[in-house]
Structures are given as structure tokens and as C-alpha cells.
């Protein structure tokens, strides 16, 4: 029987989310690394698989799917995974969808843009970062992190209730990414900090496995870009 194939790079937040979910939910798969820093997403073989030249991608016995949240929903429907990840109950499922939809223009957008403007694009282009733009992005990111602290995690252990779900895996991957830009998203946010400990502990040892490269880059980038969190 052909295996489910996951094309990924663990420097990508959605790829880390899928990798941890597959591992923790006991979804059998064959992993194929697409090294983004080497430009392997631009090879003719990969472009034939995904014309958008992005990871993650899955190939499930010839069925190719390219969007990470669509992949998580598909796997939840087609594989025997624990119900708490993406419940069949319509209300509970809608609560998880609510966060996943909100995340696109909040957690992912704000945390991702902060990292891109402060670290990745200046490193790739060899040009100084635009400090004014970074300050604007940091203000917006702080608002989002405070909403997660005070709204999403208010009186709950996890983002969508008192059981871990796929929303928590996506959330922690996006929030952790800011650490590569010298920012501590958990500082002075007790709900967020406790949630991070609960989520990472539940996902262990796959959390540590998936984040090994991220932690290497946290050390590398923080030597150059790190600073105390701004008082904005």
C-alpha cells in the first residue's frame, strides 16, 4: 500500500505543525524534506507537484493537497485520529475553525511579518532592516499576543477549550517563530506562558524534535538581532 507522503521543511511554521500532528496522532507517513534555503521548492519536480512553490504538501496515493489547514482537516476525516484534535461534534469543530480562521490575519500574519521584516528579508537582501516598519509590526503583533492572552486563553487550558486541538499546534508554531527575531512572546503573559508549557509538554518528544532547527536559529539570530522586548 502506498504511503502518505509529506513534503516539508521544519523551518516553516505550518510544516512543523503538520509534522507534530502526524507524529502525535500516529498518522503513518513518509517524510520528504524540501530545503527552502537551498531553493529546492523551485525544482521542476517540486513545481510539478505544487505550482505555488511552497510547503507543506501531501501526496496521499495520488491525491495532492497543498494548504496546511486543509491537510489537517483532511487527515482528521480520513485517518483514525483522536477526536479531540478536530472533533466531529459540530459546535466543538466550529470553535476550532473559529480560531483557525482568525489566525490567518492575526497570529500568522503578525508574527510572521515581524520575523520576515526584522530578520529574513534583510538577511536575504543584504540591506538594513526598516526599523520604523518593524516598530509598527511589533505594535500590531503585541495586540494580537495580548488578545490570545486575554481572550482566547481566558479561563481555558487551550485555545479552544480544555483539551488540546489542532488549533494549539498551529498557534504555538506561529508564536514560537518570533523567538528567532529576539522577541519573547511569553514574557509577562502568564496565560500564554502556561499554555506554551502545557502544549509543548503534551506534544513532547515531537515538539523538541520539530523545533531543533528553530532553536539553532534562535541562538544564531539572537546574537545578531536580539534585544529586550520593546516597551511600546
C-alpha atoms as a PDB file:
ATOM      1  CA  UNK A   1       0.000   0.000   0.000  1.00  0.00           C
ATOM      2  CA  UNK A   2       1.335   3.424  -0.974  1.00  0.00           C
ATOM      3  CA  UNK A   3       2.213   5.673   1.921  1.00  0.00           C
ATOM      4  CA  UNK A   4       1.054   9.170   2.662  1.00  0.00           C
ATOM      5  CA  UNK A   5       3.946  11.449   1.712  1.00  0.00           C
ATOM      6  CA  UNK A   6       4.589  14.748   3.492  1.00  0.00           C
ATOM      7  CA  UNK A   7       6.846  17.291   1.780  1.00  0.00           C
ATOM      8  CA  UNK A   8       8.151  19.712   4.384  1.00  0.00           C
ATOM      9  CA  UNK A   9      10.867  21.930   5.829  1.00  0.00           C
ATOM     10  CA  UNK A  10      10.867  22.294   9.608  1.00  0.00           C
ATOM     11  CA  UNK A  11      11.857  25.957   9.360  1.00  0.00           C
ATOM     12  CA  UNK A  12       8.291  26.511   8.125  1.00  0.00           C
ATOM     13  CA  UNK A  13       5.665  27.055  10.821  1.00  0.00           C
ATOM     14  CA  UNK A  14       2.856  25.100   9.051  1.00  0.00           C
ATOM     15  CA  UNK A  15       5.301  22.280   8.298  1.00  0.00           C
ATOM     16  CA  UNK A  16       6.226  21.995  11.964  1.00  0.00           C
ATOM     17  CA  UNK A  17       2.525  21.936  12.841  1.00  0.00           C
ATOM     18  CA  UNK A  18       1.784  19.100  10.433  1.00  0.00           C
ATOM     19  CA  UNK A  19       4.878  17.161  11.429  1.00  0.00           C
ATOM     20  CA  UNK A  20       3.975  17.277  15.137  1.00  0.00           C
ATOM     21  CA  UNK A  21       0.333  16.455  14.456  1.00  0.00           C
ATOM     22  CA  UNK A  22       1.168  13.445  12.276  1.00  0.00           C
ATOM     23  CA  UNK A  23       3.642  12.144  14.835  1.00  0.00           C
ATOM     24  CA  UNK A  24       1.496  12.684  17.924  1.00  0.00           C
ATOM     25  CA  UNK A  25      -1.706  11.430  16.278  1.00  0.00           C
ATOM     26  CA  UNK A  26       0.066   8.307  14.972  1.00  0.00           C
ATOM     27  CA  UNK A  27      -0.575   9.094  11.316  1.00  0.00           C
ATOM     28  CA  UNK A  28       1.848   6.961   9.273  1.00  0.00           C
ATOM     29  CA  UNK A  29       3.701   8.959   6.654  1.00  0.00           C
ATOM     30  CA  UNK A  30       6.864   9.155   4.622  1.00  0.00           C
ATOM     31  CA  UNK A  31       8.651  12.469   5.057  1.00  0.00           C
ATOM     32  CA  UNK A  32      10.466  14.185   2.198  1.00  0.00           C
ATOM     33  CA  UNK A  33      12.426  17.302   3.107  1.00  0.00           C
ATOM     34  CA  UNK A  34      12.260  20.242   0.696  1.00  0.00           C
ATOM     35  CA  UNK A  35      15.098  22.543   1.759  1.00  0.00           C
ATOM     36  CA  UNK A  36      13.771  26.069   1.303  1.00  0.00           C
ATOM     37  CA  UNK A  37      17.117  27.743   1.959  1.00  0.00           C
ATOM     38  CA  UNK A  38      18.617  25.732  -0.912  1.00  0.00           C
ATOM     39  CA  UNK A  39      15.731  26.624  -3.206  1.00  0.00           C
ATOM     40  CA  UNK A  40      14.525  23.048  -3.628  1.00  0.00           C
ATOM     41  CA  UNK A  41      10.941  24.346  -3.858  1.00  0.00           C
ATOM     42  CA  UNK A  42      11.866  25.736  -7.291  1.00  0.00           C
ATOM     43  CA  UNK A  43      12.985  22.444  -8.830  1.00  0.00           C
ATOM     44  CA  UNK A  44      10.919  21.232 -11.807  1.00  0.00           C
ATOM     45  CA  UNK A  45       9.948  18.097  -9.872  1.00  0.00           C
ATOM     46  CA  UNK A  46       8.513  20.044  -6.966  1.00  0.00           C
ATOM     47  CA  UNK A  47       6.868  22.721  -9.138  1.00  0.00           C
ATOM     48  CA  UNK A  48       5.071  19.913 -10.966  1.00  0.00           C
ATOM     49  CA  UNK A  49       3.722  18.823  -7.586  1.00  0.00           C
ATOM     50  CA  UNK A  50       2.884  22.314  -6.311  1.00  0.00           C
ATOM     51  CA  UNK A  51       2.961  25.188  -8.842  1.00  0.00           C
ATOM     52  CA  UNK A  52       2.820  27.654  -5.910  1.00  0.00           C
ATOM     53  CA  UNK A  53       6.344  26.506  -4.923  1.00  0.00           C
ATOM     54  CA  UNK A  54       5.533  26.230  -1.216  1.00  0.00           C
ATOM     55  CA  UNK A  55       5.488  23.636   1.528  1.00  0.00           C
ATOM     56  CA  UNK A  56       3.833  21.744   3.110  1.00  0.00           C
ATOM     57  CA  UNK A  57       2.331  19.394   0.556  1.00  0.00           C
ATOM     58  CA  UNK A  58       0.924  15.899   0.923  1.00  0.00           C
ATOM     59  CA  UNK A  59       0.509  13.176  -1.653  1.00  0.00           C
ATOM     60  CA  UNK A  60      -1.958  10.560  -0.445  1.00  0.00           C
ATOM     61  CA  UNK A  61      -1.894   7.760  -3.005  1.00  0.00           C
ATOM     62  CA  UNK A  62      -2.027  10.268  -5.856  1.00  0.00           C
ATOM     63  CA  UNK A  63      -4.243  12.847  -4.178  1.00  0.00           C
ATOM     64  CA  UNK A  64      -2.188  16.029  -3.757  1.00  0.00           C
ATOM     65  CA  UNK A  65      -3.172  18.706  -1.251  1.00  0.00           C
ATOM     66  CA  UNK A  66      -1.195  21.888  -0.675  1.00  0.00           C
ATOM     67  CA  UNK A  67      -2.760  24.000   2.096  1.00  0.00           C
ATOM     68  CA  UNK A  68      -1.776  23.109   5.667  1.00  0.00           C
ATOM     69  CA  UNK A  69      -5.132  23.611   7.392  1.00  0.00           C
ATOM     70  CA  UNK A  70      -6.938  21.791   4.588  1.00  0.00           C
ATOM     71  CA  UNK A  71      -4.428  18.974   5.074  1.00  0.00           C
ATOM     72  CA  UNK A  72      -5.109  18.808   8.810  1.00  0.00           C
ATOM     73  CA  UNK A  73      -8.855  18.662   8.237  1.00  0.00           C
ATOM     74  CA  UNK A  74      -8.462  16.021   5.541  1.00  0.00           C
ATOM     75  CA  UNK A  75      -6.258  13.834   7.731  1.00  0.00           C
ATOM     76  CA  UNK A  76      -8.694  14.214  10.640  1.00  0.00           C
ATOM     77  CA  UNK A  77     -11.508  12.922   8.416  1.00  0.00           C
ATOM     78  CA  UNK A  78      -9.643  10.106   6.681  1.00  0.00           C
ATOM     79  CA  UNK A  79      -7.447   8.717   9.448  1.00  0.00           C
ATOM     80  CA  UNK A  80      -8.259   7.257  12.826  1.00  0.00           C
ATOM     81  CA  UNK A  81      -7.044  10.146  14.977  1.00  0.00           C
ATOM     82  CA  UNK A  82      -8.289  11.042  18.458  1.00  0.00           C
ATOM     83  CA  UNK A  83     -11.455  13.127  18.293  1.00  0.00           C
ATOM     84  CA  UNK A  84     -10.078  15.999  20.393  1.00  0.00           C
ATOM     85  CA  UNK A  85      -7.779  17.094  17.554  1.00  0.00           C
ATOM     86  CA  UNK A  86     -10.692  18.096  15.307  1.00  0.00           C
ATOM     87  CA  UNK A  87     -13.969  16.927  16.871  1.00  0.00           C
ATOM     88  CA  UNK A  88     -16.872  15.533  14.892  1.00  0.00           C
ATOM     89  CA  UNK A  89     -19.270  17.460  17.152  1.00  0.00           C
ATOM     90  CA  UNK A  90     -20.376  20.490  15.109  1.00  0.00           C
ATOM     91  CA  UNK A  91     -20.119  23.027  17.954  1.00  0.00           C
ATOM     92  CA  UNK A  92     -16.665  21.908  19.085  1.00  0.00           C
ATOM     93  CA  UNK A  93     -15.450  21.751  15.492  1.00  0.00           C
ATOM     94  CA  UNK A  94     -16.780  25.241  14.804  1.00  0.00           C
ATOM     95  CA  UNK A  95     -14.890  26.592  17.821  1.00  0.00           C
ATOM     96  CA  UNK A  96     -11.648  25.235  16.413  1.00  0.00           C
ATOM     97  CA  UNK A  97     -12.469  26.562  12.942  1.00  0.00           C
ATOM     98  CA  UNK A  98     -13.127  29.946  14.530  1.00  0.00           C
ATOM     99  CA  UNK A  99      -9.549  30.170  15.791  1.00  0.00           C
ATOM    100  CA  UNK A 100      -8.041  28.736  12.601  1.00  0.00           C
ATOM    101  CA  UNK A 101      -9.853  31.358  10.505  1.00  0.00           C
ATOM    102  CA  UNK A 102      -8.894  34.167  12.907  1.00  0.00           C
ATOM    103  CA  UNK A 103      -5.272  33.095  12.894  1.00  0.00           C
ATOM    104  CA  UNK A 104      -4.741  33.806   9.177  1.00  0.00           C
ATOM    105  CA  UNK A 105      -4.892  37.586   9.580  1.00  0.00           C
ATOM    106  CA  UNK A 106      -3.728  37.727  13.189  1.00  0.00           C
ATOM    107  CA  UNK A 107      -1.359  35.186  14.741  1.00  0.00           C
ATOM    108  CA  UNK A 108       0.211  34.023  11.488  1.00  0.00           C
ATOM    109  CA  UNK A 109       0.214  37.361   9.716  1.00  0.00           C
ATOM    110  CA  UNK A 110       1.506  39.426  12.637  1.00  0.00           C
ATOM    111  CA  UNK A 111       4.134  37.028  13.982  1.00  0.00           C
ATOM    112  CA  UNK A 112       5.277  36.055  10.506  1.00  0.00           C
ATOM    113  CA  UNK A 113       5.613  39.584   9.144  1.00  0.00           C
ATOM    114  CA  UNK A 114       7.584  40.666  12.215  1.00  0.00           C
ATOM    115  CA  UNK A 115      10.126  37.894  11.619  1.00  0.00           C
ATOM    116  CA  UNK A 116      10.292  38.497   7.872  1.00  0.00           C
ATOM    117  CA  UNK A 117      10.909  42.234   8.164  1.00  0.00           C
ATOM    118  CA  UNK A 118      13.309  42.048  11.070  1.00  0.00           C
ATOM    119  CA  UNK A 119      15.376  39.001  10.140  1.00  0.00           C
ATOM    120  CA  UNK A 120      14.738  37.084   6.948  1.00  0.00           C
ATOM    121  CA  UNK A 121      14.348  39.740   4.271  1.00  0.00           C
ATOM    122  CA  UNK A 122      17.300  41.884   5.470  1.00  0.00           C
ATOM    123  CA  UNK A 123      19.454  38.732   5.570  1.00  0.00           C
ATOM    124  CA  UNK A 124      18.384  37.688   2.072  1.00  0.00           C
ATOM    125  CA  UNK A 125      18.648  41.155   0.527  1.00  0.00           C
ATOM    126  CA  UNK A 126      21.764  42.308   2.346  1.00  0.00           C
ATOM    127  CA  UNK A 127      20.024  45.546   3.289  1.00  0.00           C
ATOM    128  CA  UNK A 128      19.375  47.080   6.726  1.00  0.00           C
ATOM    129  CA  UNK A 129      16.005  46.430   8.288  1.00  0.00           C
ATOM    130  CA  UNK A 130      13.454  49.246   8.274  1.00  0.00           C
ATOM    131  CA  UNK A 131      13.285  49.989  11.993  1.00  0.00           C
ATOM    132  CA  UNK A 132      10.182  52.168  11.657  1.00  0.00           C
ATOM    133  CA  UNK A 133       8.313  49.386   9.881  1.00  0.00           C
ATOM    134  CA  UNK A 134       9.488  46.832  12.451  1.00  0.00           C
ATOM    135  CA  UNK A 135       8.206  49.033  15.279  1.00  0.00           C
ATOM    136  CA  UNK A 136       4.791  49.242  13.570  1.00  0.00           C
ATOM    137  CA  UNK A 137       4.676  45.476  13.101  1.00  0.00           C
ATOM    138  CA  UNK A 138       5.726  44.897  16.693  1.00  0.00           C
ATOM    139  CA  UNK A 139       2.865  47.057  17.964  1.00  0.00           C
ATOM    140  CA  UNK A 140       0.365  45.045  15.924  1.00  0.00           C
ATOM    141  CA  UNK A 141       1.906  41.737  16.994  1.00  0.00           C
ATOM    142  CA  UNK A 142       1.717  42.739  20.660  1.00  0.00           C
ATOM    143  CA  UNK A 143      -2.000  43.483  20.274  1.00  0.00           C
ATOM    144  CA  UNK A 144      -2.524  40.002  18.809  1.00  0.00           C
ATOM    145  CA  UNK A 145      -0.488  38.285  21.534  1.00  0.00           C
ATOM    146  CA  UNK A 146      -2.456  40.175  24.184  1.00  0.00           C
ATOM    147  CA  UNK A 147      -5.730  39.039  22.573  1.00  0.00           C
ATOM    148  CA  UNK A 148      -4.555  35.439  22.785  1.00  0.00           C
ATOM    149  CA  UNK A 149      -3.546  36.006  26.412  1.00  0.00           C
ATOM    150  CA  UNK A 150      -6.764  37.739  27.474  1.00  0.00           C
ATOM    151  CA  UNK A 151      -9.442  36.374  25.129  1.00  0.00           C
ATOM    152  CA  UNK A 152      -8.540  33.036  23.575  1.00  0.00           C
ATOM    153  CA  UNK A 153      -6.921  31.709  26.746  1.00  0.00           C
ATOM    154  CA  UNK A 154      -9.315  33.300  29.218  1.00  0.00           C
ATOM    155  CA  UNK A 155     -10.460  30.612  31.668  1.00  0.00           C
ATOM    156  CA  UNK A 156      -9.303  27.835  29.319  1.00  0.00           C
ATOM    157  CA  UNK A 157      -6.329  25.478  29.279  1.00  0.00           C
ATOM    158  CA  UNK A 158      -6.078  25.522  25.486  1.00  0.00           C
ATOM    159  CA  UNK A 159      -7.113  27.898  22.707  1.00  0.00           C
ATOM    160  CA  UNK A 160     -10.479  26.267  22.038  1.00  0.00           C
ATOM    161  CA  UNK A 161     -11.316  24.579  25.317  1.00  0.00           C
ATOM    162  CA  UNK A 162      -9.775  22.355  27.947  1.00  0.00           C
ATOM    163  CA  UNK A 163      -8.473  19.738  25.502  1.00  0.00           C
ATOM    164  CA  UNK A 164      -5.642  20.224  23.045  1.00  0.00           C
ATOM    165  CA  UNK A 165      -6.656  20.520  19.391  1.00  0.00           C
ATOM    166  CA  UNK A 166      -5.062  21.240  16.031  1.00  0.00           C
ATOM    167  CA  UNK A 167      -5.531  24.965  16.738  1.00  0.00           C
ATOM    168  CA  UNK A 168      -2.964  24.772  19.546  1.00  0.00           C
ATOM    169  CA  UNK A 169      -0.368  23.166  17.285  1.00  0.00           C
ATOM    170  CA  UNK A 170      -0.777  25.898  14.687  1.00  0.00           C
ATOM    171  CA  UNK A 171      -0.770  28.588  17.345  1.00  0.00           C
ATOM    172  CA  UNK A 172       2.393  27.515  19.116  1.00  0.00           C
ATOM    173  CA  UNK A 173       4.315  27.169  15.842  1.00  0.00           C
ATOM    174  CA  UNK A 174       3.458  30.722  14.772  1.00  0.00           C
ATOM    175  CA  UNK A 175       4.122  32.262  18.195  1.00  0.00           C
ATOM    176  CA  UNK A 176       7.408  30.405  18.707  1.00  0.00           C
ATOM    177  CA  UNK A 177       8.688  31.786  15.402  1.00  0.00           C
ATOM    178  CA  UNK A 178       9.070  35.286  16.870  1.00  0.00           C
ATOM    179  CA  UNK A 179      11.829  33.986  19.139  1.00  0.00           C
ATOM    180  CA  UNK A 180      14.120  33.843  16.103  1.00  0.00           C
ATOM    181  CA  UNK A 181      13.798  37.628  15.941  1.00  0.00           C
ATOM    182  CA  UNK A 182      14.932  38.155  19.533  1.00  0.00           C
ATOM    183  CA  UNK A 183      11.387  38.540  20.856  1.00  0.00           C
ATOM    184  CA  UNK A 184       9.976  36.655  23.845  1.00  0.00           C
ATOM    185  CA  UNK A 185       6.226  36.335  23.209  1.00  0.00           C
ATOM    186  CA  UNK A 186       5.657  34.642  26.564  1.00  0.00           C
ATOM    187  CA  UNK A 187       7.184  37.361  28.769  1.00  0.00           C
ATOM    188  CA  UNK A 188       4.625  38.985  31.099  1.00  0.00           C
ATOM    189  CA  UNK A 189       1.834  36.836  29.660  1.00  0.00           C
ATOM    190  CA  UNK A 190       1.103  34.174  32.291  1.00  0.00           C
ATOM    191  CA  UNK A 191      -1.784  32.533  30.425  1.00  0.00           C
ATOM    192  CA  UNK A 192       0.277  32.274  27.254  1.00  0.00           C
ATOM    193  CA  UNK A 193       3.310  31.020  29.138  1.00  0.00           C
ATOM    194  CA  UNK A 194       1.343  28.296  30.942  1.00  0.00           C
ATOM    195  CA  UNK A 195      -0.365  27.321  27.685  1.00  0.00           C
ATOM    196  CA  UNK A 196       3.027  27.029  25.987  1.00  0.00           C
ATOM    197  CA  UNK A 197       4.234  24.685  28.721  1.00  0.00           C
ATOM    198  CA  UNK A 198       1.074  22.553  28.566  1.00  0.00           C
ATOM    199  CA  UNK A 199       1.095  22.366  24.773  1.00  0.00           C
ATOM    200  CA  UNK A 200       4.797  21.640  24.347  1.00  0.00           C
ATOM    201  CA  UNK A 201       4.691  19.059  27.148  1.00  0.00           C
ATOM    202  CA  UNK A 202       1.736  17.277  25.529  1.00  0.00           C
ATOM    203  CA  UNK A 203       3.462  17.235  22.140  1.00  0.00           C
ATOM    204  CA  UNK A 204       6.790  16.023  23.544  1.00  0.00           C
ATOM    205  CA  UNK A 205       9.059  14.485  22.289  1.00  0.00           C
ATOM    206  CA  UNK A 206       7.895  15.632  18.855  1.00  0.00           C
ATOM    207  CA  UNK A 207       7.804  19.280  19.893  1.00  0.00           C
ATOM    208  CA  UNK A 208      11.532  19.187  20.643  1.00  0.00           C
ATOM    209  CA  UNK A 209      12.207  17.144  17.503  1.00  0.00           C
ATOM    210  CA  UNK A 210      10.312  19.525  15.231  1.00  0.00           C
ATOM    211  CA  UNK A 211      11.886  22.616  16.804  1.00  0.00           C
ATOM    212  CA  UNK A 212      15.512  21.510  16.771  1.00  0.00           C
ATOM    213  CA  UNK A 213      16.410  23.660  13.757  1.00  0.00           C
ATOM    214  CA  UNK A 214      14.366  26.584  15.073  1.00  0.00           C
ATOM    215  CA  UNK A 215      16.313  26.509  18.349  1.00  0.00           C
ATOM    216  CA  UNK A 216      19.600  26.552  16.419  1.00  0.00           C
ATOM    217  CA  UNK A 217      18.440  29.654  14.578  1.00  0.00           C
ATOM    218  CA  UNK A 218      17.184  31.268  17.790  1.00  0.00           C
ATOM    219  CA  UNK A 219      20.765  31.133  19.099  1.00  0.00           C
ATOM    220  CA  UNK A 220      22.210  32.277  15.767  1.00  0.00           C
ATOM    221  CA  UNK A 221      19.822  35.148  15.096  1.00  0.00           C
ATOM    222  CA  UNK A 222      19.577  36.379  18.673  1.00  0.00           C
ATOM    223  CA  UNK A 223      23.295  37.053  18.748  1.00  0.00           C
ATOM    224  CA  UNK A 224      22.780  39.459  15.857  1.00  0.00           C
ATOM    225  CA  UNK A 225      19.202  40.684  16.152  1.00  0.00           C
ATOM    226  CA  UNK A 226      18.210  40.014  19.728  1.00  0.00           C
ATOM    227  CA  UNK A 227      17.120  42.739  22.096  1.00  0.00           C
ATOM    228  CA  UNK A 228      14.856  43.102  25.066  1.00  0.00           C
ATOM    229  CA  UNK A 229      11.198  43.248  24.176  1.00  0.00           C
ATOM    230  CA  UNK A 230      10.266  46.792  23.261  1.00  0.00           C
ATOM    231  CA  UNK A 231       8.244  48.917  25.657  1.00  0.00           C
ATOM    232  CA  UNK A 232       5.656  50.122  23.183  1.00  0.00           C
END
